[in-house]
Amino acid sequence: MPLLGVNIDHVATIRQARRTIEPDPVWAASLAELAGAHGITVHLREDRRHIQDRDVRVLRETVQVKLNLEMGATDEMTGIAVDVRPDQCTLVPEKREELTTEGGLDVVGNRDRVKRCVDQLLEAGIEVSLFIDPDVDQIEASREVGAHAVELHTGAYADAPTASDADREYNSLVAAAEATLQRNLVLHMGHGLTYRNVVPVARIAGVSELNIGHSIVSRAVLVGFERAVREMKELIADPS
């Protein structure tokens, strides 16, 4: 079964709406762990719109499962990551004006910059995953720059307007998953996954980790964080 990485960015989004101290994403991480999450994911953005530097440092001291830091492939973020030493860094594209990450990292078009960042992270003993579109050229480039894993962007599948569109995007994910495994890369998937659409993705052969955030935080507002995490974990543990 895939492992569940819980992204807690939007707990911080609620906090930053009032520039106050609550809800603290560190508390959410603790509850996610109690509910059985296998990992905690946070995205430290250049504009610090939700997760703050303090959050990353406190989480490094308190999280007992895998801590995955999403970040842009910049000198600033690389320096922070090397200092904090999360278990894994996932390199993602980043634009200030976007609401959330739009599309995968263009490894092919930014090979030198990405490789420089990957090399520094690997030298610090940090595992590296690249968040990419389900495209064979991007998968191959990810292998060539030394990443140990790729996270296939599931947004096109999640946002498909019709059933036929969803089937087409799903088949693209299946093909990309096969290409990933053929290159001996660890296979992760994420973006836009919800309680309604996650089961088919959890069934894809070889997927080792799903990273899910907004849908879990949204449900947690109504039913509580532990219950929201447990319900998602149950779905991906038995995707029948």
C-alpha atoms as a PDB file:
ATOM      1  CA  MET A   1       0.000   0.000   0.000  1.00  0.00           C
ATOM      2  CA  PRO A   2       1.234   3.571  -0.552  1.00  0.00           C
ATOM      3  CA  LEU A   3       2.469   5.509   2.446  1.00  0.00           C
ATOM      4  CA  LEU A   4       0.605   8.690   3.351  1.00  0.00           C
ATOM      5  CA  GLY A   5       2.448  11.982   3.579  1.00  0.00           C
ATOM      6  CA  VAL A   6       0.258  14.705   5.083  1.00  0.00           C
ATOM      7  CA  ASN A   7       0.895  18.232   3.843  1.00  0.00           C
ATOM      8  CA  ILE A   8       0.112  20.726   6.626  1.00  0.00           C
ATOM      9  CA  ASP A   9       0.690  23.956   4.674  1.00  0.00           C
ATOM     10  CA  HIS A  10      -2.918  25.057   4.887  1.00  0.00           C
ATOM     11  CA  VAL A  11      -3.021  24.818   8.646  1.00  0.00           C
ATOM     12  CA  ALA A  12      -0.443  27.600   8.451  1.00  0.00           C
ATOM     13  CA  THR A  13      -2.586  29.363   5.834  1.00  0.00           C
ATOM     14  CA  ILE A  14      -5.370  29.700   8.419  1.00  0.00           C
ATOM     15  CA  ARG A  15      -2.909  30.992  10.995  1.00  0.00           C
ATOM     16  CA  GLN A  16      -1.371  33.530   8.636  1.00  0.00           C
ATOM     17  CA  ALA A  17      -4.812  34.882   7.724  1.00  0.00           C
ATOM     18  CA  ARG A  18      -4.786  36.583  11.121  1.00  0.00           C
ATOM     19  CA  ARG A  19      -1.003  36.782  11.614  1.00  0.00           C
ATOM     20  CA  THR A  20      -1.455  35.071  14.954  1.00  0.00           C
ATOM     21  CA  ILE A  21      -0.048  31.940  16.617  1.00  0.00           C
ATOM     22  CA  GLU A  22      -2.846  29.474  15.954  1.00  0.00           C
ATOM     23  CA  PRO A  23      -3.573  26.995  14.598  1.00  0.00           C
ATOM     24  CA  ASP A  24       0.041  25.880  14.860  1.00  0.00           C
ATOM     25  CA  PRO A  25       1.084  23.483  12.072  1.00  0.00           C
ATOM     26  CA  VAL A  26       3.358  21.792  14.594  1.00  0.00           C
ATOM     27  CA  TRP A  27       0.248  20.711  16.518  1.00  0.00           C
ATOM     28  CA  ALA A  28      -1.278  19.416  13.298  1.00  0.00           C
ATOM     29  CA  ALA A  29       1.848  17.374  12.576  1.00  0.00           C
ATOM     30  CA  SER A  30       1.600  15.740  16.006  1.00  0.00           C
ATOM     31  CA  LEU A  31      -2.059  14.839  15.445  1.00  0.00           C
ATOM     32  CA  ALA A  32      -1.270  13.491  11.960  1.00  0.00           C
ATOM     33  CA  GLU A  33       1.390  11.253  13.455  1.00  0.00           C
ATOM     34  CA  LEU A  34      -1.027  10.005  16.137  1.00  0.00           C
ATOM     35  CA  ALA A  35      -3.469   9.173  13.349  1.00  0.00           C
ATOM     36  CA  GLY A  36      -0.854   7.073  11.550  1.00  0.00           C
ATOM     37  CA  ALA A  37       0.608   9.401   8.915  1.00  0.00           C
ATOM     38  CA  HIS A  38       3.865   8.082   7.534  1.00  0.00           C
ATOM     39  CA  GLY A  39       5.272  11.503   6.743  1.00  0.00           C
ATOM     40  CA  ILE A  40       4.797  15.243   7.181  1.00  0.00           C
ATOM     41  CA  THR A  41       5.209  17.581   4.212  1.00  0.00           C
ATOM     42  CA  VAL A  42       5.630  21.367   4.280  1.00  0.00           C
ATOM     43  CA  HIS A  43       6.420  23.835   1.515  1.00  0.00           C
ATOM     44  CA  LEU A  44       8.604  26.745   2.564  1.00  0.00           C
ATOM     45  CA  ARG A  45       7.817  29.300  -0.129  1.00  0.00           C
ATOM     46  CA  GLU A  46       9.949  32.250  -1.104  1.00  0.00           C
ATOM     47  CA  ASP A  47       7.170  34.647  -0.039  1.00  0.00           C
ATOM     48  CA  ARG A  48       6.482  32.747   3.234  1.00  0.00           C
ATOM     49  CA  ARG A  49       2.750  32.872   2.583  1.00  0.00           C
ATOM     50  CA  HIS A  50       2.002  30.001   4.944  1.00  0.00           C
ATOM     51  CA  ILE A  51       4.841  27.906   6.398  1.00  0.00           C
ATOM     52  CA  GLN A  52       7.472  30.012   8.179  1.00  0.00           C
ATOM     53  CA  ASP A  53      11.144  29.312   8.847  1.00  0.00           C
ATOM     54  CA  ARG A  54      10.331  28.742  12.508  1.00  0.00           C
ATOM     55  CA  ASP A  55       7.833  26.036  11.573  1.00  0.00           C
ATOM     56  CA  VAL A  56      10.405  24.069   9.617  1.00  0.00           C
ATOM     57  CA  ARG A  57      12.941  24.217  12.424  1.00  0.00           C
ATOM     58  CA  VAL A  58      10.493  23.202  15.147  1.00  0.00           C
ATOM     59  CA  LEU A  59       9.097  20.420  12.980  1.00  0.00           C
ATOM     60  CA  ARG A  60      12.617  19.081  12.463  1.00  0.00           C
ATOM     61  CA  GLU A  61      12.949  18.839  16.245  1.00  0.00           C
ATOM     62  CA  THR A  62       9.545  17.262  16.859  1.00  0.00           C
ATOM     63  CA  VAL A  63       8.450  15.154  13.875  1.00  0.00           C
ATOM     64  CA  GLN A  64       9.195  11.467  14.410  1.00  0.00           C
ATOM     65  CA  VAL A  65       8.154  10.246  10.948  1.00  0.00           C
ATOM     66  CA  LYS A  66       9.652  11.356   7.645  1.00  0.00           C
ATOM     67  CA  LEU A  67       9.875  15.126   7.251  1.00  0.00           C
ATOM     68  CA  ASN A  68       9.600  16.195   3.617  1.00  0.00           C
ATOM     69  CA  LEU A  69      10.465  19.796   2.738  1.00  0.00           C
ATOM     70  CA  GLU A  70       9.061  21.086  -0.542  1.00  0.00           C
ATOM     71  CA  MET A  71      11.163  23.926  -1.925  1.00  0.00           C
ATOM     72  CA  GLY A  72      12.236  25.824  -4.985  1.00  0.00           C
ATOM     73  CA  ALA A  73      15.658  24.986  -6.406  1.00  0.00           C
ATOM     74  CA  THR A  74      17.181  28.251  -5.180  1.00  0.00           C
ATOM     75  CA  ASP A  75      20.345  29.074  -3.272  1.00  0.00           C
ATOM     76  CA  GLU A  76      18.334  30.423  -0.332  1.00  0.00           C
ATOM     77  CA  MET A  77      16.198  27.306   0.053  1.00  0.00           C
ATOM     78  CA  THR A  78      19.123  24.972  -0.485  1.00  0.00           C
ATOM     79  CA  GLY A  79      20.995  26.705   2.321  1.00  0.00           C
ATOM     80  CA  ILE A  80      18.027  26.375   4.674  1.00  0.00           C
ATOM     81  CA  ALA A  81      17.587  22.708   3.805  1.00  0.00           C
ATOM     82  CA  VAL A  82      21.263  21.893   4.350  1.00  0.00           C
ATOM     83  CA  ASP A  83      21.075  23.618   7.733  1.00  0.00           C
ATOM     84  CA  VAL A  84      17.799  22.045   8.894  1.00  0.00           C
ATOM     85  CA  ARG A  85      18.389  18.584   7.383  1.00  0.00           C
ATOM     86  CA  PRO A  86      14.888  17.265   6.634  1.00  0.00           C
ATOM     87  CA  ASP A  87      14.729  13.605   5.695  1.00  0.00           C
ATOM     88  CA  GLN A  88      13.739  14.501   2.156  1.00  0.00           C
ATOM     89  CA  CYS A  89      13.519  17.569  -0.049  1.00  0.00           C
ATOM     90  CA  THR A  90      11.084  17.687  -2.940  1.00  0.00           C
ATOM     91  CA  LEU A  91      12.044  20.277  -5.526  1.00  0.00           C
ATOM     92  CA  VAL A  92       9.030  22.067  -6.986  1.00  0.00           C
ATOM     93  CA  PRO A  93       8.451  24.975  -9.374  1.00  0.00           C
ATOM     94  CA  GLU A  94       7.341  28.189  -7.724  1.00  0.00           C
ATOM     95  CA  LYS A  95       5.741  31.422  -8.925  1.00  0.00           C
ATOM     96  CA  ARG A  96       4.744  34.215  -6.572  1.00  0.00           C
ATOM     97  CA  GLU A  97       1.357  34.817  -8.190  1.00  0.00           C
ATOM     98  CA  GLU A  98       0.114  31.213  -8.153  1.00  0.00           C
ATOM     99  CA  LEU A  99      -2.412  30.027  -5.556  1.00  0.00           C
ATOM    100  CA  THR A 100      -0.785  26.619  -5.398  1.00  0.00           C
ATOM    101  CA  THR A 101       1.920  24.841  -7.364  1.00  0.00           C
ATOM    102  CA  GLU A 102       0.947  24.803 -11.031  1.00  0.00           C
ATOM    103  CA  GLY A 103       2.487  22.002 -13.057  1.00  0.00           C
ATOM    104  CA  GLY A 104       5.679  20.091 -12.534  1.00  0.00           C
ATOM    105  CA  LEU A 105       9.277  21.187 -12.354  1.00  0.00           C
ATOM    106  CA  ASP A 106      10.892  21.572 -15.774  1.00  0.00           C
ATOM    107  CA  VAL A 107      13.986  19.481 -15.156  1.00  0.00           C
ATOM    108  CA  VAL A 108      14.778  19.259 -18.872  1.00  0.00           C
ATOM    109  CA  GLY A 109      14.860  23.032 -19.281  1.00  0.00           C
ATOM    110  CA  ASN A 110      16.656  23.756 -15.998  1.00  0.00           C
ATOM    111  CA  ARG A 111      18.989  20.786 -15.812  1.00  0.00           C
ATOM    112  CA  ASP A 112      22.094  22.611 -14.574  1.00  0.00           C
ATOM    113  CA  ARG A 113      20.315  24.549 -11.850  1.00  0.00           C
ATOM    114  CA  VAL A 114      18.402  21.507 -10.641  1.00  0.00           C
ATOM    115  CA  LYS A 115      21.500  19.301 -10.648  1.00  0.00           C
ATOM    116  CA  ARG A 116      23.455  21.864  -8.645  1.00  0.00           C
ATOM    117  CA  CYS A 117      20.733  21.880  -6.002  1.00  0.00           C
ATOM    118  CA  VAL A 118      20.370  18.080  -6.015  1.00  0.00           C
ATOM    119  CA  ASP A 119      24.108  17.620  -5.583  1.00  0.00           C
ATOM    120  CA  GLN A 120      24.226  19.932  -2.564  1.00  0.00           C
ATOM    121  CA  LEU A 121      21.293  18.205  -0.904  1.00  0.00           C
ATOM    122  CA  LEU A 122      22.690  14.745  -1.524  1.00  0.00           C
ATOM    123  CA  GLU A 123      26.048  15.825  -0.131  1.00  0.00           C
ATOM    124  CA  ALA A 124      24.218  16.854   3.060  1.00  0.00           C
ATOM    125  CA  GLY A 125      22.665  13.385   3.319  1.00  0.00           C
ATOM    126  CA  ILE A 126      19.166  14.478   2.272  1.00  0.00           C
ATOM    127  CA  GLU A 127      17.098  12.331  -0.067  1.00  0.00           C
ATOM    128  CA  VAL A 128      15.816  14.219  -3.112  1.00  0.00           C
ATOM    129  CA  SER A 129      12.542  13.903  -4.994  1.00  0.00           C
ATOM    130  CA  LEU A 130      11.519  16.008  -7.992  1.00  0.00           C
ATOM    131  CA  PHE A 131       7.889  17.060  -8.488  1.00  0.00           C
ATOM    132  CA  ILE A 132       7.321  16.602 -12.217  1.00  0.00           C
ATOM    133  CA  ASP A 133       4.598  16.156 -14.791  1.00  0.00           C
ATOM    134  CA  PRO A 134       3.967  12.562 -15.934  1.00  0.00           C
ATOM    135  CA  ASP A 135       6.304  12.935 -18.912  1.00  0.00           C
ATOM    136  CA  VAL A 136       9.003  10.456 -19.913  1.00  0.00           C
ATOM    137  CA  ASP A 137      11.555  13.153 -20.810  1.00  0.00           C
ATOM    138  CA  GLN A 138      11.162  14.757 -17.365  1.00  0.00           C
ATOM    139  CA  ILE A 139      11.460  11.344 -15.695  1.00  0.00           C
ATOM    140  CA  GLU A 140      14.651  10.559 -17.588  1.00  0.00           C
ATOM    141  CA  ALA A 141      16.118  13.982 -16.792  1.00  0.00           C
ATOM    142  CA  SER A 142      15.295  13.428 -13.106  1.00  0.00           C
ATOM    143  CA  ARG A 143      17.294  10.226 -13.161  1.00  0.00           C
ATOM    144  CA  GLU A 144      20.193  11.924 -14.911  1.00  0.00           C
ATOM    145  CA  VAL A 145      20.476  14.739 -12.319  1.00  0.00           C
ATOM    146  CA  GLY A 146      20.651  12.202  -9.492  1.00  0.00           C
ATOM    147  CA  ALA A 147      17.244  12.328  -7.812  1.00  0.00           C
ATOM    148  CA  HIS A 148      16.307   9.210  -5.893  1.00  0.00           C
ATOM    149  CA  ALA A 149      12.558   9.703  -6.436  1.00  0.00           C
ATOM    150  CA  VAL A 150      10.006  11.578  -8.494  1.00  0.00           C
ATOM    151  CA  GLU A 151       6.589  12.769  -7.415  1.00  0.00           C
ATOM    152  CA  LEU A 152       4.254  12.653 -10.378  1.00  0.00           C
ATOM    153  CA  HIS A 153       1.946  15.640 -10.578  1.00  0.00           C
ATOM    154  CA  THR A 154      -1.627  14.323 -10.385  1.00  0.00           C
ATOM    155  CA  GLY A 155      -3.339  17.676 -10.897  1.00  0.00           C
ATOM    156  CA  ALA A 156      -4.467  17.065 -14.484  1.00  0.00           C
ATOM    157  CA  TYR A 157      -6.184  13.872 -13.364  1.00  0.00           C
ATOM    158  CA  ALA A 158      -7.685  15.483 -10.261  1.00  0.00           C
ATOM    159  CA  ASP A 159      -8.997  18.508 -12.174  1.00  0.00           C
ATOM    160  CA  ALA A 160     -10.258  16.670 -15.258  1.00  0.00           C
ATOM    161  CA  PRO A 161     -13.672  18.109 -16.218  1.00  0.00           C
ATOM    162  CA  THR A 162     -15.139  14.887 -17.636  1.00  0.00           C
ATOM    163  CA  ALA A 163     -14.873  11.168 -17.000  1.00  0.00           C
ATOM    164  CA  SER A 164     -13.166  10.610 -20.349  1.00  0.00           C
ATOM    165  CA  ASP A 165     -10.636  13.324 -19.559  1.00  0.00           C
ATOM    166  CA  ALA A 166      -9.979  11.718 -16.177  1.00  0.00           C
ATOM    167  CA  ASP A 167      -9.466   8.319 -17.835  1.00  0.00           C
ATOM    168  CA  ARG A 168      -6.965   9.814 -20.275  1.00  0.00           C
ATOM    169  CA  GLU A 169      -5.000  11.553 -17.531  1.00  0.00           C
ATOM    170  CA  TYR A 170      -5.113   8.443 -15.380  1.00  0.00           C
ATOM    171  CA  ASN A 171      -3.644   6.371 -18.201  1.00  0.00           C
ATOM    172  CA  SER A 172      -0.875   8.964 -18.521  1.00  0.00           C
ATOM    173  CA  LEU A 173      -0.099   8.489 -14.832  1.00  0.00           C
ATOM    174  CA  VAL A 174       0.012   4.709 -15.222  1.00  0.00           C
ATOM    175  CA  ALA A 175       2.410   4.964 -18.164  1.00  0.00           C
ATOM    176  CA  ALA A 176       4.601   7.472 -16.333  1.00  0.00           C
ATOM    177  CA  ALA A 177       4.629   5.239 -13.257  1.00  0.00           C
ATOM    178  CA  GLU A 178       5.938   2.365 -15.363  1.00  0.00           C
ATOM    179  CA  ALA A 179       8.610   4.596 -16.876  1.00  0.00           C
ATOM    180  CA  THR A 180       9.648   5.763 -13.406  1.00  0.00           C
ATOM    181  CA  LEU A 181      10.041   2.238 -12.050  1.00  0.00           C
ATOM    182  CA  GLN A 182      11.947   1.134 -15.163  1.00  0.00           C
ATOM    183  CA  ARG A 183      14.543   3.775 -14.298  1.00  0.00           C
ATOM    184  CA  ASN A 184      14.847   2.519 -10.704  1.00  0.00           C
ATOM    185  CA  LEU A 185      13.386   5.703  -9.248  1.00  0.00           C
ATOM    186  CA  VAL A 186      11.123   5.673  -6.209  1.00  0.00           C
ATOM    187  CA  LEU A 187       7.582   6.608  -7.205  1.00  0.00           C
ATOM    188  CA  HIS A 188       5.550   9.233  -5.348  1.00  0.00           C
ATOM    189  CA  MET A 189       2.367  10.994  -6.469  1.00  0.00           C
ATOM    190  CA  GLY A 190       0.453  14.046  -5.332  1.00  0.00           C
ATOM    191  CA  HIS A 191      -1.480  17.248  -5.995  1.00  0.00           C
ATOM    192  CA  GLY A 192      -5.242  17.692  -5.956  1.00  0.00           C
ATOM    193  CA  LEU A 193      -5.943  14.255  -4.519  1.00  0.00           C
ATOM    194  CA  THR A 194      -9.117  14.014  -2.444  1.00  0.00           C
ATOM    195  CA  TYR A 195     -11.243  11.435  -0.645  1.00  0.00           C
ATOM    196  CA  ARG A 196     -13.254  11.097  -3.869  1.00  0.00           C
ATOM    197  CA  ASN A 197     -10.473  10.549  -6.406  1.00  0.00           C
ATOM    198  CA  VAL A 198      -7.554   9.011  -4.513  1.00  0.00           C
ATOM    199  CA  VAL A 199      -8.472   5.323  -4.699  1.00  0.00           C
ATOM    200  CA  PRO A 200      -7.615   4.755  -8.398  1.00  0.00           C
ATOM    201  CA  VAL A 201      -4.252   6.463  -7.879  1.00  0.00           C
ATOM    202  CA  ALA A 202      -3.525   4.333  -4.814  1.00  0.00           C
ATOM    203  CA  ARG A 203      -4.084   1.257  -7.005  1.00  0.00           C
ATOM    204  CA  ILE A 204      -1.323   2.175  -9.470  1.00  0.00           C
ATOM    205  CA  ALA A 205       1.401  -0.446  -9.295  1.00  0.00           C
ATOM    206  CA  GLY A 206       4.602   0.662  -7.616  1.00  0.00           C
ATOM    207  CA  VAL A 207       3.458   3.934  -6.045  1.00  0.00           C
ATOM    208  CA  SER A 208       5.171   4.118  -2.664  1.00  0.00           C
ATOM    209  CA  GLU A 209       3.920   7.454  -1.320  1.00  0.00           C
ATOM    210  CA  LEU A 210       0.993   9.829  -1.763  1.00  0.00           C
ATOM    211  CA  ASN A 211       1.292  13.412  -0.538  1.00  0.00           C
ATOM    212  CA  ILE A 212      -2.068  14.980   0.288  1.00  0.00           C
ATOM    213  CA  GLY A 213      -2.801  18.257   2.033  1.00  0.00           C
ATOM    214  CA  HIS A 214      -5.694  20.549   1.154  1.00  0.00           C
ATOM    215  CA  SER A 215      -8.363  17.859   1.154  1.00  0.00           C
ATOM    216  CA  ILE A 216      -7.280  16.549   4.562  1.00  0.00           C
ATOM    217  CA  VAL A 217      -7.117  20.017   6.112  1.00  0.00           C
ATOM    218  CA  SER A 218     -10.522  20.865   4.626  1.00  0.00           C
ATOM    219  CA  ARG A 219     -12.123  17.784   6.185  1.00  0.00           C
ATOM    220  CA  ALA A 220     -10.280  18.354   9.442  1.00  0.00           C
ATOM    221  CA  VAL A 221     -12.030  21.704   9.866  1.00  0.00           C
ATOM    222  CA  LEU A 222     -15.289  19.743  10.145  1.00  0.00           C
ATOM    223  CA  VAL A 223     -14.371  16.396  11.713  1.00  0.00           C
ATOM    224  CA  GLY A 224     -10.986  16.938  13.411  1.00  0.00           C
ATOM    225  CA  PHE A 225      -7.444  16.358  12.229  1.00  0.00           C
ATOM    226  CA  GLU A 226      -6.895  12.829  13.534  1.00  0.00           C
ATOM    227  CA  ARG A 227     -10.135  11.549  12.023  1.00  0.00           C
ATOM    228  CA  ALA A 228      -9.438  13.235   8.684  1.00  0.00           C
ATOM    229  CA  VAL A 229      -5.986  11.630   8.465  1.00  0.00           C
ATOM    230  CA  ARG A 230      -7.283   8.202   9.521  1.00  0.00           C
ATOM    231  CA  GLU A 231     -10.038   8.281   6.915  1.00  0.00           C
ATOM    232  CA  MET A 232      -7.576   9.099   4.145  1.00  0.00           C
ATOM    233  CA  LYS A 233      -5.150   6.449   5.356  1.00  0.00           C
ATOM    234  CA  GLU A 234      -7.923   3.839   5.340  1.00  0.00           C
ATOM    235  CA  LEU A 235      -8.806   4.718   1.739  1.00  0.00           C
ATOM    236  CA  ILE A 236      -5.288   4.269   0.413  1.00  0.00           C
ATOM    237  CA  ALA A 237      -4.560   1.228   2.591  1.00  0.00           C
ATOM    238  CA  ASP A 238      -7.388  -0.745   1.003  1.00  0.00           C
ATOM    239  CA  PRO A 239      -8.038   0.776  -2.456  1.00  0.00           C
ATOM    240  CA  SER A 240     -10.476  -1.944  -3.522  1.00  0.00           C
END
